[in-house]
C-alpha atoms as a PDB file:
ATOM      1  CA  UNK A   1      -2.987 -18.371   2.916  1.00  0.00           C
ATOM      2  CA  UNK A   2      -1.209 -20.827   0.635  1.00  0.00           C
ATOM      3  CA  UNK A   3      -4.100 -20.261  -1.804  1.00  0.00           C
ATOM      4  CA  UNK A   4      -3.118 -16.709  -2.687  1.00  0.00           C
ATOM      5  CA  UNK A   5       0.340 -17.448  -2.799  1.00  0.00           C
ATOM      6  CA  UNK A   6      -0.322 -20.371  -5.062  1.00  0.00           C
ATOM      7  CA  UNK A   7      -1.487 -17.771  -7.879  1.00  0.00           C
ATOM      8  CA  UNK A   8      -5.338 -18.148  -6.873  1.00  0.00           C
ATOM      9  CA  UNK A   9      -7.305 -15.502  -8.072  1.00  0.00           C
ATOM     10  CA  UNK A  10      -9.105 -14.506  -5.009  1.00  0.00           C
ATOM     11  CA  UNK A  11      -8.452 -15.222  -1.131  1.00  0.00           C
ATOM     12  CA  UNK A  12     -11.544 -14.509   1.064  1.00  0.00           C
ATOM     13  CA  UNK A  13     -11.541 -13.529   4.979  1.00  0.00           C
ATOM     14  CA  UNK A  14     -14.679 -14.156   6.445  1.00  0.00           C
ATOM     15  CA  UNK A  15     -16.203 -11.750   9.375  1.00  0.00           C
ATOM     16  CA  UNK A  16     -14.138  -8.634   8.747  1.00  0.00           C
ATOM     17  CA  UNK A  17     -15.028  -5.317  10.309  1.00  0.00           C
ATOM     18  CA  UNK A  18     -14.283  -2.338   8.035  1.00  0.00           C
ATOM     19  CA  UNK A  19     -13.863   1.256   9.571  1.00  0.00           C
ATOM     20  CA  UNK A  20     -12.886   4.548   7.906  1.00  0.00           C
ATOM     21  CA  UNK A  21     -11.323   7.575   9.428  1.00  0.00           C
ATOM     22  CA  UNK A  22      -8.970   7.888  12.466  1.00  0.00           C
ATOM     23  CA  UNK A  23      -9.487   5.306  15.114  1.00  0.00           C
ATOM     24  CA  UNK A  24     -11.611   6.442  18.115  1.00  0.00           C
ATOM     25  CA  UNK A  25     -11.842  10.192  16.622  1.00  0.00           C
ATOM     26  CA  UNK A  26     -14.627  12.156  15.552  1.00  0.00           C
ATOM     27  CA  UNK A  27     -15.389  10.951  12.011  1.00  0.00           C
ATOM     28  CA  UNK A  28     -14.443   7.521  12.222  1.00  0.00           C
ATOM     29  CA  UNK A  29     -17.193   5.371  10.456  1.00  0.00           C
ATOM     30  CA  UNK A  30     -18.121   1.833  11.059  1.00  0.00           C
ATOM     31  CA  UNK A  31     -19.357   0.106   7.832  1.00  0.00           C
ATOM     32  CA  UNK A  32     -20.003  -3.075   9.304  1.00  0.00           C
ATOM     33  CA  UNK A  33     -18.866  -6.916   9.110  1.00  0.00           C
ATOM     34  CA  UNK A  34     -18.760  -8.837   5.977  1.00  0.00           C
ATOM     35  CA  UNK A  35     -16.313 -10.874   3.829  1.00  0.00           C
ATOM     36  CA  UNK A  36     -12.969  -9.344   2.570  1.00  0.00           C
ATOM     37  CA  UNK A  37     -11.784 -10.376  -0.753  1.00  0.00           C
ATOM     38  CA  UNK A  38      -8.256  -9.905  -1.902  1.00  0.00           C
ATOM     39  CA  UNK A  39      -7.976 -10.553  -5.604  1.00  0.00           C
ATOM     40  CA  UNK A  40      -5.294 -10.201  -8.113  1.00  0.00           C
ATOM     41  CA  UNK A  41      -6.110  -6.470  -8.639  1.00  0.00           C
ATOM     42  CA  UNK A  42      -8.114  -5.155  -5.767  1.00  0.00           C
ATOM     43  CA  UNK A  43      -9.489  -5.639  -2.242  1.00  0.00           C
ATOM     44  CA  UNK A  44     -13.304  -6.051  -2.367  1.00  0.00           C
ATOM     45  CA  UNK A  45     -15.072  -5.590   1.104  1.00  0.00           C
ATOM     46  CA  UNK A  46     -18.784  -6.382   1.389  1.00  0.00           C
ATOM     47  CA  UNK A  47     -21.570  -7.309  -1.020  1.00  0.00           C
ATOM     48  CA  UNK A  48     -24.713  -5.579  -2.533  1.00  0.00           C
ATOM     49  CA  UNK A  49     -25.161  -1.951  -1.676  1.00  0.00           C
ATOM     50  CA  UNK A  50     -22.141  -2.326   0.883  1.00  0.00           C
ATOM     51  CA  UNK A  51     -19.634  -3.535  -1.499  1.00  0.00           C
ATOM     52  CA  UNK A  52     -16.496  -1.367  -1.318  1.00  0.00           C
ATOM     53  CA  UNK A  53     -13.476  -1.812  -3.880  1.00  0.00           C
ATOM     54  CA  UNK A  54     -10.183  -0.597  -3.359  1.00  0.00           C
ATOM     55  CA  UNK A  55      -7.625  -1.076  -6.370  1.00  0.00           C
ATOM     56  CA  UNK A  56      -4.033  -1.870  -4.772  1.00  0.00           C
ATOM     57  CA  UNK A  57      -2.740   0.992  -6.779  1.00  0.00           C
ATOM     58  CA  UNK A  58      -4.791   3.402  -4.435  1.00  0.00           C
ATOM     59  CA  UNK A  59      -3.565   1.835  -1.227  1.00  0.00           C
ATOM     60  CA  UNK A  60      -0.435   3.890  -0.363  1.00  0.00           C
ATOM     61  CA  UNK A  61       0.330   1.888   3.018  1.00  0.00           C
ATOM     62  CA  UNK A  62      -0.762  -0.979   4.737  1.00  0.00           C
ATOM     63  CA  UNK A  63       0.502  -2.314   8.167  1.00  0.00           C
ATOM     64  CA  UNK A  64      -0.505  -4.586  11.277  1.00  0.00           C
ATOM     65  CA  UNK A  65      -1.421  -2.793  14.512  1.00  0.00           C
ATOM     66  CA  UNK A  66      -1.066  -5.215  17.189  1.00  0.00           C
ATOM     67  CA  UNK A  67      -0.506  -3.078  20.146  1.00  0.00           C
ATOM     68  CA  UNK A  68      -4.341  -2.447  20.572  1.00  0.00           C
ATOM     69  CA  UNK A  69      -7.247  -4.660  21.256  1.00  0.00           C
ATOM     70  CA  UNK A  70      -8.467  -5.666  18.849  1.00  0.00           C
ATOM     71  CA  UNK A  71      -5.412  -5.748  16.328  1.00  0.00           C
ATOM     72  CA  UNK A  72      -6.212  -4.775  12.807  1.00  0.00           C
ATOM     73  CA  UNK A  73      -4.744  -3.984   9.311  1.00  0.00           C
ATOM     74  CA  UNK A  74      -4.287  -0.493   8.855  1.00  0.00           C
ATOM     75  CA  UNK A  75      -4.427   1.305   5.266  1.00  0.00           C
ATOM     76  CA  UNK A  76      -3.996   4.547   3.844  1.00  0.00           C
ATOM     77  CA  UNK A  77      -6.153   4.749   0.729  1.00  0.00           C
ATOM     78  CA  UNK A  78      -5.820   7.422  -2.011  1.00  0.00           C
ATOM     79  CA  UNK A  79      -9.095   9.228  -2.829  1.00  0.00           C
ATOM     80  CA  UNK A  80      -7.599  12.164  -5.020  1.00  0.00           C
ATOM     81  CA  UNK A  81      -9.263  13.225  -7.936  1.00  0.00           C
ATOM     82  CA  UNK A  82      -7.518  13.199 -11.178  1.00  0.00           C
ATOM     83  CA  UNK A  83      -7.272  17.038 -10.977  1.00  0.00           C
ATOM     84  CA  UNK A  84      -6.002  16.998  -7.539  1.00  0.00           C
ATOM     85  CA  UNK A  85      -3.308  14.339  -8.706  1.00  0.00           C
ATOM     86  CA  UNK A  86      -2.414  16.676 -11.571  1.00  0.00           C
ATOM     87  CA  UNK A  87      -1.588  19.428  -9.098  1.00  0.00           C
ATOM     88  CA  UNK A  88       0.402  17.129  -6.907  1.00  0.00           C
ATOM     89  CA  UNK A  89      -2.121  17.335  -4.190  1.00  0.00           C
ATOM     90  CA  UNK A  90      -3.047  13.912  -2.680  1.00  0.00           C
ATOM     91  CA  UNK A  91      -5.884  13.136  -0.346  1.00  0.00           C
ATOM     92  CA  UNK A  92      -6.003   9.824   1.604  1.00  0.00           C
ATOM     93  CA  UNK A  93      -8.287   8.323   4.300  1.00  0.00           C
ATOM     94  CA  UNK A  94      -7.609   5.894   6.884  1.00  0.00           C
ATOM     95  CA  UNK A  95      -9.269   2.486   6.895  1.00  0.00           C
ATOM     96  CA  UNK A  96      -8.952  -0.564   9.356  1.00  0.00           C
ATOM     97  CA  UNK A  97     -10.077  -4.091   8.757  1.00  0.00           C
ATOM     98  CA  UNK A  98     -10.475  -5.894  11.717  1.00  0.00           C
ATOM     99  CA  UNK A  99     -10.988  -9.639  11.524  1.00  0.00           C
ATOM    100  CA  UNK A 100     -12.975 -11.372  14.267  1.00  0.00           C
ATOM    101  CA  UNK A 101     -10.561 -14.382  14.096  1.00  0.00           C
ATOM    102  CA  UNK A 102      -7.170 -12.679  15.143  1.00  0.00           C
ATOM    103  CA  UNK A 103      -5.272 -15.683  13.700  1.00  0.00           C
ATOM    104  CA  UNK A 104      -5.925 -14.664  10.104  1.00  0.00           C
ATOM    105  CA  UNK A 105      -4.431 -11.260  10.703  1.00  0.00           C
ATOM    106  CA  UNK A 106      -0.922 -12.159   9.062  1.00  0.00           C
ATOM    107  CA  UNK A 107      -2.401 -13.865   6.222  1.00  0.00           C
ATOM    108  CA  UNK A 108      -4.703 -10.850   5.474  1.00  0.00           C
ATOM    109  CA  UNK A 109      -1.336  -8.612   5.826  1.00  0.00           C
ATOM    110  CA  UNK A 110       0.408 -11.126   3.394  1.00  0.00           C
ATOM    111  CA  UNK A 111      -2.394 -11.182   0.771  1.00  0.00           C
ATOM    112  CA  UNK A 112      -2.430  -7.366   0.734  1.00  0.00           C
ATOM    113  CA  UNK A 113       1.486  -7.189   0.310  1.00  0.00           C
ATOM    114  CA  UNK A 114       1.203  -9.762  -2.485  1.00  0.00           C
ATOM    115  CA  UNK A 115      -1.427  -7.971  -4.184  1.00  0.00           C
ATOM    116  CA  UNK A 116       0.302  -4.389  -3.728  1.00  0.00           C
ATOM    117  CA  UNK A 117       3.566  -5.901  -5.074  1.00  0.00           C
ATOM    118  CA  UNK A 118       1.805  -7.398  -8.144  1.00  0.00           C
ATOM    119  CA  UNK A 119       0.150  -4.157  -9.002  1.00  0.00           C
ATOM    120  CA  UNK A 120       2.480  -1.546  -7.727  1.00  0.00           C
ATOM    121  CA  UNK A 121       5.844  -3.163  -7.698  1.00  0.00           C
ATOM    122  CA  UNK A 122       6.341  -3.461 -11.247  1.00  0.00           C
ATOM    123  CA  UNK A 123       5.620  -0.150 -12.354  1.00  0.00           C
ATOM    124  CA  UNK A 124       9.373   1.302 -12.594  1.00  0.00           C
ATOM    125  CA  UNK A 125      10.931  -2.007 -12.928  1.00  0.00           C
ATOM    126  CA  UNK A 126      12.556  -1.259 -16.063  1.00  0.00           C
ATOM    127  CA  UNK A 127      14.271   1.711 -14.744  1.00  0.00           C
ATOM    128  CA  UNK A 128      14.881   1.182 -10.900  1.00  0.00           C
ATOM    129  CA  UNK A 129      16.919   4.506 -10.698  1.00  0.00           C
ATOM    130  CA  UNK A 130      13.646   6.427 -11.922  1.00  0.00           C
ATOM    131  CA  UNK A 131      11.581   4.509  -9.459  1.00  0.00           C
ATOM    132  CA  UNK A 132      13.744   5.426  -6.679  1.00  0.00           C
ATOM    133  CA  UNK A 133      13.807   9.163  -7.383  1.00  0.00           C
ATOM    134  CA  UNK A 134      10.280   9.185  -8.082  1.00  0.00           C
ATOM    135  CA  UNK A 135       9.866   7.505  -4.598  1.00  0.00           C
ATOM    136  CA  UNK A 136      11.812  10.044  -2.907  1.00  0.00           C
ATOM    137  CA  UNK A 137       9.773  12.819  -4.877  1.00  0.00           C
ATOM    138  CA  UNK A 138      12.813  14.372  -6.556  1.00  0.00           C
ATOM    139  CA  UNK A 139      11.308  13.698 -10.297  1.00  0.00           C
ATOM    140  CA  UNK A 140       8.739  12.210 -12.380  1.00  0.00           C
ATOM    141  CA  UNK A 141       9.555   8.788 -13.244  1.00  0.00           C
ATOM    142  CA  UNK A 142       8.582   9.214 -16.690  1.00  0.00           C
ATOM    143  CA  UNK A 143      11.151  11.788 -17.291  1.00  0.00           C
ATOM    144  CA  UNK A 144      14.278   9.732 -17.043  1.00  0.00           C
ATOM    145  CA  UNK A 145      15.845   7.881 -19.958  1.00  0.00           C
ATOM    146  CA  UNK A 146      18.834   5.915 -20.928  1.00  0.00           C
ATOM    147  CA  UNK A 147      20.724   9.374 -21.618  1.00  0.00           C
ATOM    148  CA  UNK A 148      20.684  10.327 -18.082  1.00  0.00           C
ATOM    149  CA  UNK A 149      21.723  14.159 -17.713  1.00  0.00           C
ATOM    150  CA  UNK A 150      24.760  14.878 -15.225  1.00  0.00           C
ATOM    151  CA  UNK A 151      22.054  16.500 -12.913  1.00  0.00           C
ATOM    152  CA  UNK A 152      20.198  13.201 -12.580  1.00  0.00           C
ATOM    153  CA  UNK A 153      23.624  11.478 -12.055  1.00  0.00           C
ATOM    154  CA  UNK A 154      24.444  13.845  -9.274  1.00  0.00           C
ATOM    155  CA  UNK A 155      21.385  13.189  -7.617  1.00  0.00           C
ATOM    156  CA  UNK A 156      21.638   9.268  -8.144  1.00  0.00           C
ATOM    157  CA  UNK A 157      25.048   9.503  -6.718  1.00  0.00           C
ATOM    158  CA  UNK A 158      23.868  11.542  -3.502  1.00  0.00           C
ATOM    159  CA  UNK A 159      21.156   8.806  -2.978  1.00  0.00           C
ATOM    160  CA  UNK A 160      23.649   5.894  -3.496  1.00  0.00           C
ATOM    161  CA  UNK A 161      26.174   7.576  -0.886  1.00  0.00           C
ATOM    162  CA  UNK A 162      22.744   7.848   1.492  1.00  0.00           C
ATOM    163  CA  UNK A 163      21.916   4.038   1.012  1.00  0.00           C
ATOM    164  CA  UNK A 164      25.662   3.070   1.535  1.00  0.00           C
ATOM    165  CA  UNK A 165      26.051   5.003   4.692  1.00  0.00           C
ATOM    166  CA  UNK A 166      22.507   3.933   5.974  1.00  0.00           C
ATOM    167  CA  UNK A 167      23.773   0.091   5.429  1.00  0.00           C
ATOM    168  CA  UNK A 168      26.947   0.991   7.391  1.00  0.00           C
ATOM    169  CA  UNK A 169      24.713   2.082  10.395  1.00  0.00           C
ATOM    170  CA  UNK A 170      22.987  -0.909  10.356  1.00  0.00           C
ATOM    171  CA  UNK A 171      25.955  -3.282  10.188  1.00  0.00           C
ATOM    172  CA  UNK A 172      27.603  -1.123  13.036  1.00  0.00           C
ATOM    173  CA  UNK A 173      24.385  -1.529  15.347  1.00  0.00           C
END
């Protein structure tokens, strides 16, 4: 995995099965076995007519599932239309990447994490308060500026108190 971490453009993982839909449920679709490439901007699975491209900004969640056989990388992929997003209605599908070589699972997860951080992690870097409020769904990150209203400051203070309380719970455990 060092290739990707060393700023290479693409890391390729051979022989990865791709499924969409909920595991073991009606509607689950097996798309086949092919290469999975993690580039600087997107994940690309397959070639030719089977090729699927997923931008990191469309991946809302990725996690390893090790308590099943075979273990896999789970993703929730945003497939919302522009109109749905404008109405704050989001539609996602579940995707699973199952490598034949289980020893690459951690490398696969790390490649997704790095790509996600590079593409999503810097959106609100200039205003981390707005990013936090946006993440919590309390406001649109584009509405907060340097002249924060008292209302925004009150929300920030409440969030800060929650974070402090949360950290206190962890140190007592």
